Amino acid sequence: MMTYYILIGGIALISWLVSSRLKSKFKHYSKVHLRNGMSGAEIAQKMLDDHGIRDVKVISTAGMLTDHYNPKNKTVNLSEGVYSQRNASAAAVAAHEVGHAVQHAQAYEWLTMRSKLVPVVSVTSGMSTWIVFGGIALMAATGAMGGIGFYIAVAGLIMMGFATVFSFVTLPVEYDASNRALAWLKQKNMVSQEEYAGAEDALKWAARTYLVAALGALASLLYWAFQVFGGRD
């Protein structure tokens, strides 16, 4: 069990470092003001218009780095600091979220796959670890490595597996949205060379948060799988 705590602690530390670096990058590039004077909301709306997307609204949402695209009600939700600000960070985030709207409009396969996983993961992710742990505890209590405890633990692993798959499916979705955003910013001459470099660097660090999360999910799954099947041996 100590190994698990060390593993989770290490992943949490790396995640914190990447997240802190991301916030630092966005703060830094928020000082790089756009020469075109456009706000994040205006950037988002123009990118939607340029892709012929007329049924998606750009709205403001509370919080910091709470930006997201909601495919259910077709809204690009920009945090207050992005919606009204006119800098490289705001341009990067706004264009990235519209990138998801473009994916949705074009039925991007990885986004479609992730959307199908959402209902399953929302139900299973919160309880999977407890089910695995409960199964292992039952195996230890009964001394039966092939009994009900084992099957309960395996069920928990399957649930955990869905969350891990979801984390890795998220990677191409996020990287593709960033690539679409950067390509549009460059092709439409929306930003200067300095502004583009800032947007690119900010999105690179944002993507790394998803990479760390995916690797953490995989590490946790492998650890518990070893505990279940190793204990059985």
C-alpha atoms as a PDB file:
ATOM      1  CA  MET A   1       0.000   0.000   0.000  1.00  0.00           C
ATOM      2  CA  MET A   2       2.918   2.320   0.704  1.00  0.00           C
ATOM      3  CA  THR A   3       4.033   1.906  -2.911  1.00  0.00           C
ATOM      4  CA  TYR A   4       0.629   3.127  -4.061  1.00  0.00           C
ATOM      5  CA  TYR A   5       0.826   6.220  -1.873  1.00  0.00           C
ATOM      6  CA  ILE A   6       4.325   6.979  -3.167  1.00  0.00           C
ATOM      7  CA  LEU A   7       3.126   6.516  -6.750  1.00  0.00           C
ATOM      8  CA  ILE A   8       0.085   8.745  -6.290  1.00  0.00           C
ATOM      9  CA  GLY A   9       2.167  11.296  -4.401  1.00  0.00           C
ATOM     10  CA  GLY A  10       4.741  11.410  -7.195  1.00  0.00           C
ATOM     11  CA  ILE A  11       2.081  11.844  -9.859  1.00  0.00           C
ATOM     12  CA  ALA A  12       0.353  14.535  -7.794  1.00  0.00           C
ATOM     13  CA  LEU A  13       3.661  16.389  -7.448  1.00  0.00           C
ATOM     14  CA  ILE A  14       4.341  16.271 -11.196  1.00  0.00           C
ATOM     15  CA  SER A  15       0.772  17.366 -11.896  1.00  0.00           C
ATOM     16  CA  TRP A  16       1.146  20.283  -9.500  1.00  0.00           C
ATOM     17  CA  LEU A  17       4.436  21.341 -11.105  1.00  0.00           C
ATOM     18  CA  VAL A  18       2.967  21.232 -14.614  1.00  0.00           C
ATOM     19  CA  SER A  19      -0.178  23.055 -13.476  1.00  0.00           C
ATOM     20  CA  SER A  20       1.899  25.737 -11.753  1.00  0.00           C
ATOM     21  CA  ARG A  21       4.028  26.129 -14.866  1.00  0.00           C
ATOM     22  CA  LEU A  22       0.875  26.414 -16.977  1.00  0.00           C
ATOM     23  CA  LYS A  23      -0.539  29.181 -14.760  1.00  0.00           C
ATOM     24  CA  SER A  24       2.818  30.960 -14.888  1.00  0.00           C
ATOM     25  CA  LYS A  25       2.871  30.753 -18.689  1.00  0.00           C
ATOM     26  CA  PHE A  26      -0.667  32.084 -19.037  1.00  0.00           C
ATOM     27  CA  LYS A  27       0.102  34.925 -16.625  1.00  0.00           C
ATOM     28  CA  HIS A  28       3.218  35.796 -18.609  1.00  0.00           C
ATOM     29  CA  TYR A  29       1.517  35.748 -22.001  1.00  0.00           C
ATOM     30  CA  SER A  30      -1.454  37.671 -20.658  1.00  0.00           C
ATOM     31  CA  LYS A  31       0.917  40.648 -20.749  1.00  0.00           C
ATOM     32  CA  VAL A  32       1.515  40.196 -24.488  1.00  0.00           C
ATOM     33  CA  HIS A  33      -1.286  42.351 -25.865  1.00  0.00           C
ATOM     34  CA  LEU A  34      -2.732  41.632 -29.292  1.00  0.00           C
ATOM     35  CA  ARG A  35      -1.946  44.144 -32.002  1.00  0.00           C
ATOM     36  CA  ASN A  36      -5.426  43.638 -33.494  1.00  0.00           C
ATOM     37  CA  GLY A  37      -7.068  44.619 -30.191  1.00  0.00           C
ATOM     38  CA  MET A  38      -9.545  41.733 -30.285  1.00  0.00           C
ATOM     39  CA  SER A  39     -10.859  40.123 -27.109  1.00  0.00           C
ATOM     40  CA  GLY A  40     -10.989  36.387 -26.514  1.00  0.00           C
ATOM     41  CA  ALA A  41     -14.730  36.437 -27.217  1.00  0.00           C
ATOM     42  CA  GLU A  42     -14.189  38.240 -30.512  1.00  0.00           C
ATOM     43  CA  ILE A  43     -11.419  35.821 -31.499  1.00  0.00           C
ATOM     44  CA  ALA A  44     -13.718  32.872 -30.753  1.00  0.00           C
ATOM     45  CA  GLN A  45     -16.626  34.355 -32.704  1.00  0.00           C
ATOM     46  CA  LYS A  46     -14.473  35.098 -35.746  1.00  0.00           C
ATOM     47  CA  MET A  47     -13.035  31.584 -35.794  1.00  0.00           C
ATOM     48  CA  LEU A  48     -16.554  30.167 -35.631  1.00  0.00           C
ATOM     49  CA  ASP A  49     -17.652  32.431 -38.484  1.00  0.00           C
ATOM     50  CA  ASP A  50     -14.625  31.523 -40.594  1.00  0.00           C
ATOM     51  CA  HIS A  51     -15.550  27.836 -40.258  1.00  0.00           C
ATOM     52  CA  GLY A  52     -19.181  28.488 -41.130  1.00  0.00           C
ATOM     53  CA  ILE A  53     -20.433  27.502 -37.666  1.00  0.00           C
ATOM     54  CA  ARG A  54     -23.569  29.524 -36.891  1.00  0.00           C
ATOM     55  CA  ASP A  55     -25.245  27.476 -34.146  1.00  0.00           C
ATOM     56  CA  VAL A  56     -22.594  27.816 -31.429  1.00  0.00           C
ATOM     57  CA  LYS A  57     -22.685  30.635 -28.868  1.00  0.00           C
ATOM     58  CA  VAL A  58     -19.693  32.179 -27.092  1.00  0.00           C
ATOM     59  CA  ILE A  59     -20.459  32.863 -23.433  1.00  0.00           C
ATOM     60  CA  SER A  60     -18.568  33.899 -20.302  1.00  0.00           C
ATOM     61  CA  THR A  61     -18.144  31.544 -17.350  1.00  0.00           C
ATOM     62  CA  ALA A  62     -16.821  32.178 -13.841  1.00  0.00           C
ATOM     63  CA  GLY A  63     -13.405  31.037 -12.638  1.00  0.00           C
ATOM     64  CA  MET A  64      -9.837  30.803 -13.927  1.00  0.00           C
ATOM     65  CA  LEU A  65      -8.896  28.303 -16.664  1.00  0.00           C
ATOM     66  CA  THR A  66     -12.470  26.990 -16.596  1.00  0.00           C
ATOM     67  CA  ASP A  67     -12.735  27.343 -20.364  1.00  0.00           C
ATOM     68  CA  HIS A  68     -14.462  24.507 -22.220  1.00  0.00           C
ATOM     69  CA  TYR A  69     -16.708  23.622 -25.121  1.00  0.00           C
ATOM     70  CA  ASN A  70     -20.068  22.063 -24.272  1.00  0.00           C
ATOM     71  CA  PRO A  71     -21.302  19.869 -27.139  1.00  0.00           C
ATOM     72  CA  LYS A  72     -24.722  19.373 -25.524  1.00  0.00           C
ATOM     73  CA  ASN A  73     -25.839  22.986 -25.737  1.00  0.00           C
ATOM     74  CA  LYS A  74     -23.225  24.035 -28.303  1.00  0.00           C
ATOM     75  CA  THR A  75     -21.545  26.769 -26.295  1.00  0.00           C
ATOM     76  CA  VAL A  76     -17.935  27.912 -26.142  1.00  0.00           C
ATOM     77  CA  ASN A  77     -17.499  28.788 -22.462  1.00  0.00           C
ATOM     78  CA  LEU A  78     -14.676  31.235 -21.820  1.00  0.00           C
ATOM     79  CA  SER A  79     -13.497  32.172 -18.345  1.00  0.00           C
ATOM     80  CA  GLU A  80     -13.844  35.825 -17.403  1.00  0.00           C
ATOM     81  CA  GLY A  81     -10.134  36.456 -17.918  1.00  0.00           C
ATOM     82  CA  VAL A  82     -10.247  35.031 -21.431  1.00  0.00           C
ATOM     83  CA  TYR A  83     -13.627  36.318 -22.582  1.00  0.00           C
ATOM     84  CA  SER A  84     -12.810  40.025 -22.216  1.00  0.00           C
ATOM     85  CA  GLN A  85      -9.008  40.129 -22.328  1.00  0.00           C
ATOM     86  CA  ARG A  86      -7.004  41.070 -25.433  1.00  0.00           C
ATOM     87  CA  ASN A  87      -3.747  39.184 -25.162  1.00  0.00           C
ATOM     88  CA  ALA A  88      -1.900  36.112 -26.458  1.00  0.00           C
ATOM     89  CA  SER A  89      -3.166  33.852 -23.663  1.00  0.00           C
ATOM     90  CA  ALA A  90      -6.789  34.803 -24.305  1.00  0.00           C
ATOM     91  CA  ALA A  91      -6.366  34.293 -28.047  1.00  0.00           C
ATOM     92  CA  ALA A  92      -4.819  30.843 -27.524  1.00  0.00           C
ATOM     93  CA  VAL A  93      -7.513  29.604 -25.143  1.00  0.00           C
ATOM     94  CA  ALA A  94     -10.403  31.034 -27.139  1.00  0.00           C
ATOM     95  CA  ALA A  95      -9.154  29.539 -30.410  1.00  0.00           C
ATOM     96  CA  HIS A  96      -8.466  26.186 -28.703  1.00  0.00           C
ATOM     97  CA  GLU A  97     -12.027  25.916 -27.382  1.00  0.00           C
ATOM     98  CA  VAL A  98     -13.427  26.814 -30.782  1.00  0.00           C
ATOM     99  CA  GLY A  99     -11.173  24.056 -32.101  1.00  0.00           C
ATOM    100  CA  HIS A 100     -13.398  21.646 -30.166  1.00  0.00           C
ATOM    101  CA  ALA A 101     -16.494  23.214 -31.729  1.00  0.00           C
ATOM    102  CA  VAL A 102     -14.947  22.662 -35.158  1.00  0.00           C
ATOM    103  CA  GLN A 103     -14.214  19.046 -34.222  1.00  0.00           C
ATOM    104  CA  HIS A 104     -17.843  18.621 -33.218  1.00  0.00           C
ATOM    105  CA  ALA A 105     -19.134  20.202 -36.427  1.00  0.00           C
ATOM    106  CA  GLN A 106     -16.878  17.940 -38.506  1.00  0.00           C
ATOM    107  CA  ALA A 107     -17.641  14.801 -36.440  1.00  0.00           C
ATOM    108  CA  TYR A 108     -13.991  14.321 -35.467  1.00  0.00           C
ATOM    109  CA  GLU A 109     -13.760  10.629 -34.577  1.00  0.00           C
ATOM    110  CA  TRP A 110     -11.725  10.986 -31.394  1.00  0.00           C
ATOM    111  CA  LEU A 111     -14.144  13.577 -29.994  1.00  0.00           C
ATOM    112  CA  THR A 112     -17.067  11.325 -30.870  1.00  0.00           C
ATOM    113  CA  MET A 113     -15.383   8.426 -29.080  1.00  0.00           C
ATOM    114  CA  ARG A 114     -14.699  10.543 -25.999  1.00  0.00           C
ATOM    115  CA  SER A 115     -18.300  11.765 -25.906  1.00  0.00           C
ATOM    116  CA  LYS A 116     -19.534   8.166 -25.906  1.00  0.00           C
ATOM    117  CA  LEU A 117     -17.269   7.356 -22.957  1.00  0.00           C
ATOM    118  CA  VAL A 118     -18.435  10.304 -20.830  1.00  0.00           C
ATOM    119  CA  PRO A 119     -21.625   8.672 -19.431  1.00  0.00           C
ATOM    120  CA  VAL A 120     -19.746   5.496 -18.517  1.00  0.00           C
ATOM    121  CA  VAL A 121     -16.783   7.248 -16.921  1.00  0.00           C
ATOM    122  CA  SER A 122     -18.976   9.665 -14.975  1.00  0.00           C
ATOM    123  CA  VAL A 123     -20.571   6.671 -13.233  1.00  0.00           C
ATOM    124  CA  THR A 124     -17.578   4.366 -12.787  1.00  0.00           C
ATOM    125  CA  SER A 125     -14.574   6.628 -12.125  1.00  0.00           C
ATOM    126  CA  GLY A 126     -15.561   7.657  -8.614  1.00  0.00           C
ATOM    127  CA  MET A 127     -16.107   4.145  -7.298  1.00  0.00           C
ATOM    128  CA  SER A 128     -13.583   2.023  -9.212  1.00  0.00           C
ATOM    129  CA  THR A 129     -10.699   2.301  -6.736  1.00  0.00           C
ATOM    130  CA  TRP A 130     -12.971   1.462  -3.795  1.00  0.00           C
ATOM    131  CA  ILE A 131     -14.366  -1.573  -5.575  1.00  0.00           C
ATOM    132  CA  VAL A 132     -10.874  -2.855  -6.395  1.00  0.00           C
ATOM    133  CA  PHE A 133      -9.713  -2.244  -2.836  1.00  0.00           C
ATOM    134  CA  GLY A 134     -12.829  -3.925  -1.438  1.00  0.00           C
ATOM    135  CA  GLY A 135     -12.287  -6.953  -3.657  1.00  0.00           C
ATOM    136  CA  ILE A 136      -8.669  -7.270  -2.571  1.00  0.00           C
ATOM    137  CA  ALA A 137      -9.664  -6.932   1.104  1.00  0.00           C
ATOM    138  CA  LEU A 138     -12.260  -9.688   0.645  1.00  0.00           C
ATOM    139  CA  MET A 139      -9.671 -11.897  -1.043  1.00  0.00           C
ATOM    140  CA  ALA A 140      -7.318 -11.376   1.898  1.00  0.00           C
ATOM    141  CA  ALA A 141     -10.050 -11.985   4.490  1.00  0.00           C
ATOM    142  CA  THR A 142     -11.310 -15.207   2.930  1.00  0.00           C
ATOM    143  CA  GLY A 143      -7.971 -16.440   1.663  1.00  0.00           C
ATOM    144  CA  ALA A 144      -9.723 -17.298  -1.604  1.00  0.00           C
ATOM    145  CA  MET A 145      -7.812 -15.991  -4.628  1.00  0.00           C
ATOM    146  CA  GLY A 146     -10.434 -17.107  -7.135  1.00  0.00           C
ATOM    147  CA  GLY A 147     -13.600 -16.361  -5.196  1.00  0.00           C
ATOM    148  CA  ILE A 148     -16.083 -13.502  -5.205  1.00  0.00           C
ATOM    149  CA  GLY A 149     -13.491 -11.029  -3.947  1.00  0.00           C
ATOM    150  CA  PHE A 150     -11.342 -11.608  -7.031  1.00  0.00           C
ATOM    151  CA  TYR A 151     -14.246 -10.999  -9.399  1.00  0.00           C
ATOM    152  CA  ILE A 152     -15.244  -7.854  -7.525  1.00  0.00           C
ATOM    153  CA  ALA A 153     -11.674  -6.577  -7.852  1.00  0.00           C
ATOM    154  CA  VAL A 154     -11.625  -7.392 -11.582  1.00  0.00           C
ATOM    155  CA  ALA A 155     -14.916  -5.509 -12.018  1.00  0.00           C
ATOM    156  CA  GLY A 156     -13.273  -2.521 -10.351  1.00  0.00           C
ATOM    157  CA  LEU A 157     -10.291  -2.810 -12.688  1.00  0.00           C
ATOM    158  CA  ILE A 158     -12.597  -2.778 -15.704  1.00  0.00           C
ATOM    159  CA  MET A 159     -14.230   0.391 -14.394  1.00  0.00           C
ATOM    160  CA  MET A 160     -10.804   1.913 -13.828  1.00  0.00           C
ATOM    161  CA  GLY A 161      -9.838   0.850 -17.332  1.00  0.00           C
ATOM    162  CA  PHE A 162     -12.652   2.943 -18.825  1.00  0.00           C
ATOM    163  CA  ALA A 163     -11.287   6.042 -17.069  1.00  0.00           C
ATOM    164  CA  THR A 164      -7.780   5.248 -18.316  1.00  0.00           C
ATOM    165  CA  VAL A 165      -8.992   4.813 -21.887  1.00  0.00           C
ATOM    166  CA  PHE A 166     -10.895   8.091 -21.553  1.00  0.00           C
ATOM    167  CA  SER A 167      -7.712   9.870 -20.444  1.00  0.00           C
ATOM    168  CA  PHE A 168      -5.771   8.614 -23.460  1.00  0.00           C
ATOM    169  CA  VAL A 169      -8.604   9.313 -25.912  1.00  0.00           C
ATOM    170  CA  THR A 170      -8.603  12.868 -24.562  1.00  0.00           C
ATOM    171  CA  LEU A 171      -4.993  13.395 -25.707  1.00  0.00           C
ATOM    172  CA  PRO A 172      -5.581  13.451 -29.497  1.00  0.00           C
ATOM    173  CA  VAL A 173      -8.732  15.522 -28.926  1.00  0.00           C
ATOM    174  CA  GLU A 174      -6.811  18.206 -27.037  1.00  0.00           C
ATOM    175  CA  TYR A 175      -3.732  18.179 -29.279  1.00  0.00           C
ATOM    176  CA  ASP A 176      -5.890  18.379 -32.403  1.00  0.00           C
ATOM    177  CA  ALA A 177      -7.890  21.312 -31.004  1.00  0.00           C
ATOM    178  CA  SER A 178      -4.641  23.164 -30.313  1.00  0.00           C
ATOM    179  CA  ASN A 179      -3.313  22.404 -33.789  1.00  0.00           C
ATOM    180  CA  ARG A 180      -6.533  23.698 -35.355  1.00  0.00           C
ATOM    181  CA  ALA A 181      -6.347  26.834 -33.213  1.00  0.00           C
ATOM    182  CA  LEU A 182      -2.724  27.594 -34.066  1.00  0.00           C
ATOM    183  CA  ALA A 183      -3.227  26.888 -37.770  1.00  0.00           C
ATOM    184  CA  TRP A 184      -6.185  29.286 -37.900  1.00  0.00           C
ATOM    185  CA  LEU A 185      -4.379  32.015 -35.950  1.00  0.00           C
ATOM    186  CA  LYS A 186      -1.460  31.788 -38.377  1.00  0.00           C
ATOM    187  CA  GLN A 187      -3.383  31.420 -41.637  1.00  0.00           C
ATOM    188  CA  LYS A 188      -5.697  34.344 -40.889  1.00  0.00           C
ATOM    189  CA  ASN A 189      -2.826  36.540 -39.630  1.00  0.00           C
ATOM    190  CA  MET A 190      -4.669  37.030 -36.377  1.00  0.00           C
ATOM    191  CA  VAL A 191      -1.483  37.382 -34.344  1.00  0.00           C
ATOM    192  CA  SER A 192       2.050  38.667 -34.764  1.00  0.00           C
ATOM    193  CA  GLN A 193       5.053  36.346 -34.653  1.00  0.00           C
ATOM    194  CA  GLU A 194       5.613  37.127 -30.961  1.00  0.00           C
ATOM    195  CA  GLU A 195       1.929  36.629 -30.140  1.00  0.00           C
ATOM    196  CA  TYR A 196       1.859  33.338 -32.042  1.00  0.00           C
ATOM    197  CA  ALA A 197       4.911  32.056 -30.145  1.00  0.00           C
ATOM    198  CA  GLY A 198       3.180  32.895 -26.864  1.00  0.00           C
ATOM    199  CA  ALA A 199      -0.048  31.170 -27.885  1.00  0.00           C
ATOM    200  CA  GLU A 200       1.862  28.088 -29.024  1.00  0.00           C
ATOM    201  CA  ASP A 201       3.866  27.847 -25.796  1.00  0.00           C
ATOM    202  CA  ALA A 202       0.779  28.322 -23.617  1.00  0.00           C
ATOM    203  CA  LEU A 203      -1.141  25.573 -25.438  1.00  0.00           C
ATOM    204  CA  LYS A 204       1.864  23.259 -25.241  1.00  0.00           C
ATOM    205  CA  TRP A 205       1.845  23.461 -21.452  1.00  0.00           C
ATOM    206  CA  ALA A 206      -1.923  23.053 -21.338  1.00  0.00           C
ATOM    207  CA  ALA A 207      -1.574  19.814 -23.320  1.00  0.00           C
ATOM    208  CA  ARG A 208       0.993  18.518 -20.855  1.00  0.00           C
ATOM    209  CA  THR A 209      -1.558  18.588 -18.053  1.00  0.00           C
ATOM    210  CA  TYR A 210      -3.633  16.051 -19.993  1.00  0.00           C
ATOM    211  CA  LEU A 211      -0.557  13.933 -20.680  1.00  0.00           C
ATOM    212  CA  VAL A 212       0.322  13.791 -16.972  1.00  0.00           C
ATOM    213  CA  ALA A 213      -3.281  12.869 -16.132  1.00  0.00           C
ATOM    214  CA  ALA A 214      -3.264  10.041 -18.687  1.00  0.00           C
ATOM    215  CA  LEU A 215       0.042   8.623 -17.463  1.00  0.00           C
ATOM    216  CA  GLY A 216      -1.197   8.871 -13.873  1.00  0.00           C
ATOM    217  CA  ALA A 217      -4.366   6.960 -14.731  1.00  0.00           C
ATOM    218  CA  LEU A 218      -2.329   4.246 -16.467  1.00  0.00           C
ATOM    219  CA  ALA A 219       0.135   3.955 -13.580  1.00  0.00           C
ATOM    220  CA  SER A 220      -2.713   3.590 -11.081  1.00  0.00           C
ATOM    221  CA  LEU A 221      -4.436   0.948 -13.221  1.00  0.00           C
ATOM    222  CA  LEU A 222      -1.231  -1.084 -13.582  1.00  0.00           C
ATOM    223  CA  TYR A 223      -0.524  -0.874  -9.873  1.00  0.00           C
ATOM    224  CA  TRP A 224      -3.946  -2.186  -8.866  1.00  0.00           C
ATOM    225  CA  ALA A 225      -3.881  -4.825 -11.597  1.00  0.00           C
ATOM    226  CA  PHE A 226      -0.599  -6.091 -10.163  1.00  0.00           C
ATOM    227  CA  GLN A 227      -2.119  -6.184  -6.672  1.00  0.00           C
ATOM    228  CA  VAL A 228      -5.106  -8.221  -7.907  1.00  0.00           C
ATOM    229  CA  PHE A 229      -3.381 -10.675 -10.202  1.00  0.00           C
ATOM    230  CA  GLY A 230      -0.120 -10.762  -8.230  1.00  0.00           C
ATOM    231  CA  GLY A 231      -2.068 -11.601  -5.097  1.00  0.00           C
ATOM    232  CA  ARG A 232      -3.845 -14.344  -6.970  1.00  0.00           C
ATOM    233  CA  ASP A 233      -0.538 -15.955  -7.885  1.00  0.00           C
END
